[in-house]
Amino acid sequence: MVELRIDLRPALMVDGKEVSGKRLEILKKVDEKKSQAEAAFELGISPPVLNRAVKQMEERLGIKLVEKGVRGSFLTPDGKKILNALELLKGGVDEDGPIGVSPIGKALLEKRGRSDAPLEVSNDEFNFKLAKLGFLRGVVFDDPVYSFEFGITPQTIGIEKLYLVKNNDENRFSELRYGAQRIGFDYLDKSCLKYEVVKKDNNPPEDLNYFIEGVALTERERAKLVAEHAITFIDLITLYGNHTEINK
């Protein structure tokens, strides 16, 4: 699949073709309402006019932007990339802002001495939201799946080992609020192991099983290696012509 080239300066350009703000607003409303008819009502236009505008965009760009299904209308992955780029364009990026990290990303950066920038320590989900609002100059993701929402190629700043720490034999788990938890629980599902997620924690519990990366692992005697995954960095400043490099 050919990757879209999205340029945010001075207007939103997709593969060299400028997309008007009015048509981008149509994509935004379809994404919000999950219905072309409701999106048209919100925008004060008729559904046929909205449908025609979507088709014209798709024909001009040569890509599919909206899919219809039994549950409504949804943006395609390419449509999502364009909408995400619009949000970055409208919100801007604070060039003096911090880099969003989780405790895993913070430990990795400190261990390798890769960044002098201030850090905003939270988790992937919250840092993703801050990045979309333009409050961060960049963001380090524990789970690489978040990186692909931005439509640009992320830097891989490290490969981390994910461990399962066993504190009980009843397969009762805590889901930590940071780290690549999705990958850990995918491992359990693919192994056809029955388990129960009892709660979410900010810190490793003493009585429940949990997943954690090696850079933050302390209970090695009870740990089992279950996966390896990339730690990725999205440099939001590159979208505006400057560059924040932490991969040296």
C-alpha atoms as a PDB file:
ATOM      1  CA  MET A   1       0.000   0.000   0.000  1.00  0.00           C
ATOM      2  CA  VAL A   2       1.346   3.437  -0.975  1.00  0.00           C
ATOM      3  CA  GLU A   3       1.819   5.669   2.064  1.00  0.00           C
ATOM      4  CA  LEU A   4       0.148   9.074   1.955  1.00  0.00           C
ATOM      5  CA  ARG A   5       2.426  12.122   1.905  1.00  0.00           C
ATOM      6  CA  ILE A   6       0.799  14.770   4.081  1.00  0.00           C
ATOM      7  CA  ASP A   7       2.208  18.305   4.267  1.00  0.00           C
ATOM      8  CA  LEU A   8       0.760  20.761   6.780  1.00  0.00           C
ATOM      9  CA  ARG A   9       2.517  23.941   5.559  1.00  0.00           C
ATOM     10  CA  PRO A  10       1.047  26.319   4.572  1.00  0.00           C
ATOM     11  CA  ALA A  11      -2.186  24.345   3.880  1.00  0.00           C
ATOM     12  CA  LEU A  12      -3.154  20.717   4.196  1.00  0.00           C
ATOM     13  CA  MET A  13      -1.678  18.946   1.175  1.00  0.00           C
ATOM     14  CA  VAL A  14      -2.273  15.251   0.427  1.00  0.00           C
ATOM     15  CA  ASP A  15       0.061  13.756  -2.179  1.00  0.00           C
ATOM     16  CA  GLY A  16       0.613  17.272  -3.515  1.00  0.00           C
ATOM     17  CA  LYS A  17      -3.087  18.148  -3.753  1.00  0.00           C
ATOM     18  CA  GLU A  18      -4.585  20.811  -1.477  1.00  0.00           C
ATOM     19  CA  VAL A  19      -7.737  19.805   0.420  1.00  0.00           C
ATOM     20  CA  SER A  20     -10.132  22.632   1.292  1.00  0.00           C
ATOM     21  CA  GLY A  21     -11.165  23.347   4.846  1.00  0.00           C
ATOM     22  CA  LYS A  22     -14.858  22.895   4.008  1.00  0.00           C
ATOM     23  CA  ARG A  23     -14.295  19.380   2.712  1.00  0.00           C
ATOM     24  CA  LEU A  24     -12.124  18.509   5.676  1.00  0.00           C
ATOM     25  CA  GLU A  25     -14.981  19.632   7.924  1.00  0.00           C
ATOM     26  CA  ILE A  26     -17.194  17.108   6.123  1.00  0.00           C
ATOM     27  CA  LEU A  27     -14.769  14.307   7.024  1.00  0.00           C
ATOM     28  CA  LYS A  28     -14.705  15.502  10.616  1.00  0.00           C
ATOM     29  CA  LYS A  29     -18.510  15.462  10.902  1.00  0.00           C
ATOM     30  CA  VAL A  30     -18.800  12.020   9.310  1.00  0.00           C
ATOM     31  CA  ASP A  31     -16.232  10.746  11.796  1.00  0.00           C
ATOM     32  CA  GLU A  32     -18.134  12.299  14.718  1.00  0.00           C
ATOM     33  CA  LYS A  33     -21.661  11.245  13.704  1.00  0.00           C
ATOM     34  CA  LYS A  34     -20.851   7.908  12.002  1.00  0.00           C
ATOM     35  CA  SER A  35     -23.668   8.856   9.631  1.00  0.00           C
ATOM     36  CA  GLN A  36     -23.510  10.851   6.397  1.00  0.00           C
ATOM     37  CA  ALA A  37     -27.144  11.951   6.798  1.00  0.00           C
ATOM     38  CA  GLU A  38     -26.553  13.266  10.343  1.00  0.00           C
ATOM     39  CA  ALA A  39     -23.285  14.896   9.269  1.00  0.00           C
ATOM     40  CA  ALA A  40     -25.129  16.660   6.444  1.00  0.00           C
ATOM     41  CA  PHE A  41     -27.825  17.890   8.871  1.00  0.00           C
ATOM     42  CA  GLU A  42     -25.172  19.271  11.254  1.00  0.00           C
ATOM     43  CA  LEU A  43     -23.443  21.082   8.381  1.00  0.00           C
ATOM     44  CA  GLY A  44     -26.706  22.481   7.010  1.00  0.00           C
ATOM     45  CA  ILE A  45     -26.459  20.732   3.648  1.00  0.00           C
ATOM     46  CA  SER A  46     -28.416  17.907   2.026  1.00  0.00           C
ATOM     47  CA  PRO A  47     -27.130  14.295   2.145  1.00  0.00           C
ATOM     48  CA  PRO A  48     -26.728  14.187  -1.672  1.00  0.00           C
ATOM     49  CA  VAL A  49     -24.506  17.293  -1.540  1.00  0.00           C
ATOM     50  CA  LEU A  50     -22.370  15.721   1.199  1.00  0.00           C
ATOM     51  CA  ASN A  51     -22.150  12.402  -0.644  1.00  0.00           C
ATOM     52  CA  ARG A  52     -21.098  14.188  -3.819  1.00  0.00           C
ATOM     53  CA  ALA A  53     -18.429  16.179  -1.952  1.00  0.00           C
ATOM     54  CA  VAL A  54     -16.992  12.974  -0.458  1.00  0.00           C
ATOM     55  CA  LYS A  55     -16.898  11.271  -3.863  1.00  0.00           C
ATOM     56  CA  GLN A  56     -15.199  14.292  -5.443  1.00  0.00           C
ATOM     57  CA  MET A  57     -12.550  14.247  -2.704  1.00  0.00           C
ATOM     58  CA  GLU A  58     -11.963  10.538  -3.207  1.00  0.00           C
ATOM     59  CA  GLU A  59     -11.688  10.919  -6.976  1.00  0.00           C
ATOM     60  CA  ARG A  60      -9.315  13.877  -6.681  1.00  0.00           C
ATOM     61  CA  LEU A  61      -7.027  12.150  -4.204  1.00  0.00           C
ATOM     62  CA  GLY A  62      -7.367   8.696  -5.719  1.00  0.00           C
ATOM     63  CA  ILE A  63      -8.102   7.040  -2.372  1.00  0.00           C
ATOM     64  CA  LYS A  64     -11.136   5.812  -0.447  1.00  0.00           C
ATOM     65  CA  LEU A  65     -12.020   8.118   2.469  1.00  0.00           C
ATOM     66  CA  VAL A  66     -15.400   6.881   3.743  1.00  0.00           C
ATOM     67  CA  GLU A  67     -16.786   3.358   4.038  1.00  0.00           C
ATOM     68  CA  LYS A  68     -20.489   2.539   4.498  1.00  0.00           C
ATOM     69  CA  GLY A  69     -21.586  -0.368   6.659  1.00  0.00           C
ATOM     70  CA  VAL A  70     -24.621  -1.688   8.474  1.00  0.00           C
ATOM     71  CA  ARG A  71     -23.720   0.431  11.507  1.00  0.00           C
ATOM     72  CA  GLY A  72     -23.194   3.643   9.596  1.00  0.00           C
ATOM     73  CA  SER A  73     -20.387   5.461   7.809  1.00  0.00           C
ATOM     74  CA  PHE A  74     -16.775   5.380   8.950  1.00  0.00           C
ATOM     75  CA  LEU A  75     -13.522   6.933   7.813  1.00  0.00           C
ATOM     76  CA  THR A  76     -11.018   4.592   6.196  1.00  0.00           C
ATOM     77  CA  PRO A  77      -7.452   4.486   7.615  1.00  0.00           C
ATOM     78  CA  ASP A  78      -6.431   7.052   4.956  1.00  0.00           C
ATOM     79  CA  GLY A  79      -9.394   9.231   5.900  1.00  0.00           C
ATOM     80  CA  LYS A  80      -8.323   9.036   9.549  1.00  0.00           C
ATOM     81  CA  LYS A  81      -4.760  10.054   8.676  1.00  0.00           C
ATOM     82  CA  ILE A  82      -6.009  13.135   6.868  1.00  0.00           C
ATOM     83  CA  LEU A  83      -8.336  14.058   9.748  1.00  0.00           C
ATOM     84  CA  ASN A  84      -5.524  13.617  12.275  1.00  0.00           C
ATOM     85  CA  ALA A  85      -3.317  15.882  10.193  1.00  0.00           C
ATOM     86  CA  LEU A  86      -6.092  18.485  10.171  1.00  0.00           C
ATOM     87  CA  GLU A  87      -6.270  18.448  13.960  1.00  0.00           C
ATOM     88  CA  LEU A  88      -2.508  18.987  14.186  1.00  0.00           C
ATOM     89  CA  LEU A  89      -2.726  21.843  11.692  1.00  0.00           C
ATOM     90  CA  LYS A  90      -5.533  23.585  13.587  1.00  0.00           C
ATOM     91  CA  GLY A  91      -4.034  23.048  17.014  1.00  0.00           C
ATOM     92  CA  GLY A  92      -0.397  23.698  16.209  1.00  0.00           C
ATOM     93  CA  VAL A  93       2.499  22.277  18.174  1.00  0.00           C
ATOM     94  CA  ASP A  94       4.283  23.903  21.094  1.00  0.00           C
ATOM     95  CA  GLU A  95       7.928  23.824  19.989  1.00  0.00           C
ATOM     96  CA  ASP A  96       9.047  24.464  23.583  1.00  0.00           C
ATOM     97  CA  GLY A  97       6.689  21.847  24.990  1.00  0.00           C
ATOM     98  CA  PRO A  98       7.692  18.604  26.676  1.00  0.00           C
ATOM     99  CA  ILE A  99       8.017  15.117  25.256  1.00  0.00           C
ATOM    100  CA  GLY A 100       5.237  12.823  26.434  1.00  0.00           C
ATOM    101  CA  VAL A 101       6.423   9.551  27.937  1.00  0.00           C
ATOM    102  CA  SER A 102       5.221   6.798  30.241  1.00  0.00           C
ATOM    103  CA  PRO A 103       7.331   5.508  33.138  1.00  0.00           C
ATOM    104  CA  ILE A 104       8.683   2.963  30.614  1.00  0.00           C
ATOM    105  CA  GLY A 105       9.669   5.608  28.079  1.00  0.00           C
ATOM    106  CA  LYS A 106      11.153   7.797  30.829  1.00  0.00           C
ATOM    107  CA  ALA A 107      13.273   4.919  32.147  1.00  0.00           C
ATOM    108  CA  LEU A 108      14.452   4.058  28.637  1.00  0.00           C
ATOM    109  CA  LEU A 109      15.411   7.633  27.754  1.00  0.00           C
ATOM    110  CA  GLU A 110      17.213   8.152  31.068  1.00  0.00           C
ATOM    111  CA  LYS A 111      19.034   4.843  30.735  1.00  0.00           C
ATOM    112  CA  ARG A 112      20.311   5.751  27.273  1.00  0.00           C
ATOM    113  CA  GLY A 113      20.719   9.486  27.804  1.00  0.00           C
ATOM    114  CA  ARG A 114      18.787  10.290  24.648  1.00  0.00           C
ATOM    115  CA  SER A 115      16.905  13.480  25.463  1.00  0.00           C
ATOM    116  CA  ASP A 116      17.520  16.768  27.239  1.00  0.00           C
ATOM    117  CA  ALA A 117      13.949  17.911  26.620  1.00  0.00           C
ATOM    118  CA  PRO A 118      11.474  18.207  29.537  1.00  0.00           C
ATOM    119  CA  LEU A 119       9.298  15.136  29.965  1.00  0.00           C
ATOM    120  CA  GLU A 120       5.540  14.844  30.586  1.00  0.00           C
ATOM    121  CA  VAL A 121       5.111  11.494  32.354  1.00  0.00           C
ATOM    122  CA  SER A 122       1.729   9.826  31.901  1.00  0.00           C
ATOM    123  CA  ASN A 123       0.610   6.911  29.705  1.00  0.00           C
ATOM    124  CA  ASP A 124       0.137   6.215  25.998  1.00  0.00           C
ATOM    125  CA  GLU A 125      -3.568   7.055  25.927  1.00  0.00           C
ATOM    126  CA  PHE A 126      -3.262  10.400  27.696  1.00  0.00           C
ATOM    127  CA  ASN A 127      -0.093  11.399  25.837  1.00  0.00           C
ATOM    128  CA  PHE A 128      -1.845  10.578  22.566  1.00  0.00           C
ATOM    129  CA  LYS A 129      -4.576  13.078  23.459  1.00  0.00           C
ATOM    130  CA  LEU A 130      -2.045  15.740  24.500  1.00  0.00           C
ATOM    131  CA  ALA A 131      -0.156  15.232  21.240  1.00  0.00           C
ATOM    132  CA  LYS A 132      -3.330  15.642  19.169  1.00  0.00           C
ATOM    133  CA  LEU A 133      -4.057  18.898  21.029  1.00  0.00           C
ATOM    134  CA  GLY A 134      -0.577  20.248  20.242  1.00  0.00           C
ATOM    135  CA  PHE A 135       0.664  20.333  23.844  1.00  0.00           C
ATOM    136  CA  LEU A 136       3.698  18.128  23.179  1.00  0.00           C
ATOM    137  CA  ARG A 137       6.685  18.521  20.879  1.00  0.00           C
ATOM    138  CA  GLY A 138       6.919  14.765  20.594  1.00  0.00           C
ATOM    139  CA  VAL A 139       5.726  11.580  22.241  1.00  0.00           C
ATOM    140  CA  VAL A 140       7.271   8.204  23.105  1.00  0.00           C
ATOM    141  CA  PHE A 141       4.829   5.301  22.891  1.00  0.00           C
ATOM    142  CA  ASP A 142       5.181   1.999  24.764  1.00  0.00           C
ATOM    143  CA  ASP A 143       2.666   0.382  22.431  1.00  0.00           C
ATOM    144  CA  PRO A 144       3.674   1.113  18.821  1.00  0.00           C
ATOM    145  CA  VAL A 145       0.063   0.850  17.636  1.00  0.00           C
ATOM    146  CA  TYR A 146      -0.505   4.459  18.753  1.00  0.00           C
ATOM    147  CA  SER A 147       2.232   5.714  16.424  1.00  0.00           C
ATOM    148  CA  PHE A 148       0.396   4.701  13.282  1.00  0.00           C
ATOM    149  CA  GLU A 149      -2.481   7.091  14.054  1.00  0.00           C
ATOM    150  CA  PHE A 150      -0.318  10.074  13.015  1.00  0.00           C
ATOM    151  CA  GLY A 151       0.294   9.125   9.394  1.00  0.00           C
ATOM    152  CA  ILE A 152       4.069   9.644   9.621  1.00  0.00           C
ATOM    153  CA  THR A 153       6.851   7.128  10.070  1.00  0.00           C
ATOM    154  CA  PRO A 154       7.903   6.913  13.744  1.00  0.00           C
ATOM    155  CA  GLN A 155      11.434   6.526  15.020  1.00  0.00           C
ATOM    156  CA  THR A 156      12.172   3.255  16.788  1.00  0.00           C
ATOM    157  CA  ILE A 157      14.239   4.236  19.807  1.00  0.00           C
ATOM    158  CA  GLY A 158      14.487   0.803  21.383  1.00  0.00           C
ATOM    159  CA  ILE A 159      13.302  -2.783  21.468  1.00  0.00           C
ATOM    160  CA  GLU A 160      11.924  -3.747  24.869  1.00  0.00           C
ATOM    161  CA  LYS A 161      11.232  -7.175  26.307  1.00  0.00           C
ATOM    162  CA  LEU A 162       7.798  -7.630  27.858  1.00  0.00           C
ATOM    163  CA  TYR A 163       7.590  -9.881  30.918  1.00  0.00           C
ATOM    164  CA  LEU A 164       4.735 -11.609  32.713  1.00  0.00           C
ATOM    165  CA  VAL A 165       5.232 -11.367  36.471  1.00  0.00           C
ATOM    166  CA  LYS A 166       3.368 -14.130  38.366  1.00  0.00           C
ATOM    167  CA  ASN A 167       2.187 -13.266  41.865  1.00  0.00           C
ATOM    168  CA  ASN A 168      -0.629 -15.844  42.003  1.00  0.00           C
ATOM    169  CA  ASP A 169      -1.616 -19.116  40.337  1.00  0.00           C
ATOM    170  CA  GLU A 170      -5.245 -18.124  39.794  1.00  0.00           C
ATOM    171  CA  ASN A 171      -4.524 -16.043  36.673  1.00  0.00           C
ATOM    172  CA  ARG A 172      -5.843 -12.915  38.361  1.00  0.00           C
ATOM    173  CA  PHE A 173      -4.311  -9.840  36.727  1.00  0.00           C
ATOM    174  CA  SER A 174      -3.806  -6.145  37.168  1.00  0.00           C
ATOM    175  CA  GLU A 175      -3.642  -4.097  33.977  1.00  0.00           C
ATOM    176  CA  LEU A 176      -0.968  -1.459  34.482  1.00  0.00           C
ATOM    177  CA  ARG A 177      -1.786   1.971  33.075  1.00  0.00           C
ATOM    178  CA  TYR A 178       1.493   2.061  31.145  1.00  0.00           C
ATOM    179  CA  GLY A 179       3.542  -0.366  29.088  1.00  0.00           C
ATOM    180  CA  ALA A 180       2.386  -2.437  26.125  1.00  0.00           C
ATOM    181  CA  GLN A 181      -0.474  -4.094  28.001  1.00  0.00           C
ATOM    182  CA  ARG A 182      -2.326  -4.886  24.777  1.00  0.00           C
ATOM    183  CA  ILE A 183       0.553  -7.091  23.641  1.00  0.00           C
ATOM    184  CA  GLY A 184       0.633  -8.908  26.970  1.00  0.00           C
ATOM    185  CA  PHE A 185      -3.056  -9.742  27.010  1.00  0.00           C
ATOM    186  CA  ASP A 186      -2.900 -10.712  23.333  1.00  0.00           C
ATOM    187  CA  TYR A 187      -0.302 -13.272  24.421  1.00  0.00           C
ATOM    188  CA  LEU A 188      -2.758 -14.722  26.955  1.00  0.00           C
ATOM    189  CA  ASP A 189      -5.573 -14.801  24.402  1.00  0.00           C
ATOM    190  CA  LYS A 190      -3.434 -16.506  21.766  1.00  0.00           C
ATOM    191  CA  SER A 191      -2.266 -19.013  24.370  1.00  0.00           C
ATOM    192  CA  CYS A 192      -5.944 -19.779  25.143  1.00  0.00           C
ATOM    193  CA  LEU A 193      -5.340 -19.052  28.824  1.00  0.00           C
ATOM    194  CA  LYS A 194      -8.295 -18.049  30.962  1.00  0.00           C
ATOM    195  CA  TYR A 195      -7.673 -15.022  33.136  1.00  0.00           C
ATOM    196  CA  GLU A 196      -9.421 -12.265  35.056  1.00  0.00           C
ATOM    197  CA  VAL A 197      -8.440  -8.593  35.048  1.00  0.00           C
ATOM    198  CA  VAL A 198      -9.275  -7.490  38.577  1.00  0.00           C
ATOM    199  CA  LYS A 199      -8.233  -3.843  38.375  1.00  0.00           C
ATOM    200  CA  LYS A 200      -5.979  -1.252  36.807  1.00  0.00           C
ATOM    201  CA  ASP A 201      -2.918   0.003  38.655  1.00  0.00           C
ATOM    202  CA  ASN A 202      -0.401   2.807  38.429  1.00  0.00           C
ATOM    203  CA  ASN A 203       2.202   0.645  40.158  1.00  0.00           C
ATOM    204  CA  PRO A 204       2.977  -3.087  40.012  1.00  0.00           C
ATOM    205  CA  PRO A 205       0.786  -4.917  42.570  1.00  0.00           C
ATOM    206  CA  GLU A 206       2.092  -7.440  45.080  1.00  0.00           C
ATOM    207  CA  ASP A 207      -0.773  -9.939  44.865  1.00  0.00           C
ATOM    208  CA  LEU A 208      -1.811  -9.893  41.185  1.00  0.00           C
ATOM    209  CA  ASN A 209      -0.096 -10.943  37.980  1.00  0.00           C
ATOM    210  CA  TYR A 210       0.933  -8.190  35.573  1.00  0.00           C
ATOM    211  CA  PHE A 211       2.918  -7.356  32.439  1.00  0.00           C
ATOM    212  CA  ILE A 212       5.871  -4.986  32.475  1.00  0.00           C
ATOM    213  CA  GLU A 213       8.854  -4.107  30.312  1.00  0.00           C
ATOM    214  CA  GLY A 214      12.354  -5.199  31.263  1.00  0.00           C
ATOM    215  CA  VAL A 215      13.611  -1.642  31.731  1.00  0.00           C
ATOM    216  CA  ALA A 216      11.245  -1.299  34.723  1.00  0.00           C
ATOM    217  CA  LEU A 217      11.277  -4.904  35.941  1.00  0.00           C
ATOM    218  CA  THR A 218      12.253  -5.540  39.574  1.00  0.00           C
ATOM    219  CA  GLU A 219      10.749  -9.004  40.302  1.00  0.00           C
ATOM    220  CA  ARG A 220      12.938 -10.994  37.896  1.00  0.00           C
ATOM    221  CA  GLU A 221      12.691 -14.269  39.818  1.00  0.00           C
ATOM    222  CA  ARG A 222       8.943 -14.460  39.099  1.00  0.00           C
ATOM    223  CA  ALA A 223       9.109 -13.062  35.558  1.00  0.00           C
ATOM    224  CA  LYS A 224       8.617 -14.842  32.255  1.00  0.00           C
ATOM    225  CA  LEU A 225       9.551 -13.300  28.905  1.00  0.00           C
ATOM    226  CA  VAL A 226       6.479 -13.289  26.626  1.00  0.00           C
ATOM    227  CA  ALA A 227       7.234 -10.803  23.818  1.00  0.00           C
ATOM    228  CA  GLU A 228       9.487  -8.119  22.407  1.00  0.00           C
ATOM    229  CA  HIS A 229       8.217  -4.871  20.915  1.00  0.00           C
ATOM    230  CA  ALA A 230       9.372  -1.511  19.610  1.00  0.00           C
ATOM    231  CA  ILE A 231       9.347   1.677  21.661  1.00  0.00           C
ATOM    232  CA  THR A 232       8.525   4.418  19.162  1.00  0.00           C
ATOM    233  CA  PHE A 233       8.895   8.179  19.015  1.00  0.00           C
ATOM    234  CA  ILE A 234       6.675  10.576  17.052  1.00  0.00           C
ATOM    235  CA  ASP A 235       8.351  13.927  16.363  1.00  0.00           C
ATOM    236  CA  LEU A 236       5.481  16.392  15.940  1.00  0.00           C
ATOM    237  CA  ILE A 237       7.824  19.278  15.173  1.00  0.00           C
ATOM    238  CA  THR A 238       8.889  17.641  11.905  1.00  0.00           C
ATOM    239  CA  LEU A 239       5.396  18.335  10.620  1.00  0.00           C
ATOM    240  CA  TYR A 240       6.229  22.039  10.859  1.00  0.00           C
ATOM    241  CA  GLY A 241       9.711  21.953   9.363  1.00  0.00           C
ATOM    242  CA  ASN A 242      11.855  21.627  12.508  1.00  0.00           C
ATOM    243  CA  HIS A 243      13.240  18.407  13.960  1.00  0.00           C
ATOM    244  CA  THR A 244      13.556  16.859  17.393  1.00  0.00           C
ATOM    245  CA  GLU A 245      15.987  13.927  17.328  1.00  0.00           C
ATOM    246  CA  ILE A 246      16.283  11.527  20.240  1.00  0.00           C
ATOM    247  CA  ASN A 247      17.517   8.494  18.344  1.00  0.00           C
ATOM    248  CA  LYS A 248      21.257   9.077  18.729  1.00  0.00           C
END
